[in-house]
Amino acid sequence: MGVSGSGKSTVGLLLANEMGLPFFDADNYHPSENVKKMAGGNPLNDK
């Protein structure tokens, strides 16, 4: 977790490649409802 655009995925991918491990980006596992919210600029919440 961290600020959007701070390089989390970039660093994760570089580390995974260096260590010979797969990289899984959690952004690829959001439910479609949450993707729509984020695309519309709406924050995610527990409601």
Protein backbone atom coordinates (compact mmCIF):
# COMPACT_ATOMS: atom_id res chain seq x y z
CA MET A 1 0.00 0.00 0.00
CA GLY A 2 1.12 3.50 -0.70
CA VAL A 3 0.51 6.67 -2.60
CA SER A 4 -0.59 6.29 -6.22
CA GLY A 5 2.27 6.73 -8.65
CA SER A 6 5.01 6.27 -6.04
CA GLY A 7 6.62 3.32 -7.84
CA LYS A 8 5.29 0.36 -5.86
CA SER A 9 4.60 -1.75 -8.94
CA THR A 10 7.87 -0.77 -10.58
CA VAL A 11 9.93 -1.73 -7.55
CA GLY A 12 7.93 -4.92 -7.05
CA LEU A 13 8.46 -5.98 -10.65
CA LEU A 14 12.18 -5.19 -10.51
CA LEU A 15 12.59 -7.20 -7.29
CA ALA A 16 10.60 -10.13 -8.65
CA ASN A 17 12.70 -10.20 -11.83
CA GLU A 18 15.94 -9.96 -9.86
CA MET A 19 14.89 -12.84 -7.59
CA GLY A 20 13.39 -14.96 -10.37
CA LEU A 21 9.93 -14.83 -8.86
CA PRO A 22 6.53 -14.02 -10.35
CA PHE A 23 5.06 -10.58 -9.76
CA PHE A 24 1.37 -10.14 -8.98
CA ASP A 25 -0.03 -6.61 -8.99
CA ALA A 26 -2.95 -6.34 -6.57
CA ASP A 27 -4.57 -3.75 -8.84
CA ASN A 28 -5.42 -6.62 -11.19
CA TYR A 29 -7.60 -8.26 -8.53
CA HIS A 30 -10.09 -5.46 -7.76
CA PRO A 31 -13.75 -6.36 -8.28
CA SER A 32 -15.28 -4.66 -11.34
CA GLU A 33 -17.47 -2.50 -9.08
CA ASN A 34 -14.36 -1.03 -7.44
CA VAL A 35 -12.65 -0.49 -10.81
CA LYS A 36 -15.66 1.57 -11.92
CA LYS A 37 -15.51 3.63 -8.71
CA MET A 38 -11.80 4.32 -9.10
CA ALA A 39 -12.18 5.18 -12.80
CA GLY A 40 -14.84 7.72 -11.82
CA GLY A 41 -12.58 9.27 -9.19
CA ASN A 42 -14.64 7.88 -6.32
CA PRO A 43 -12.86 6.60 -3.23
CA LEU A 44 -13.27 3.01 -2.11
CA ASN A 45 -14.90 2.38 1.24
CA ASP A 46 -16.38 -0.46 3.27
CA LYS A 47 -19.97 0.42 2.39
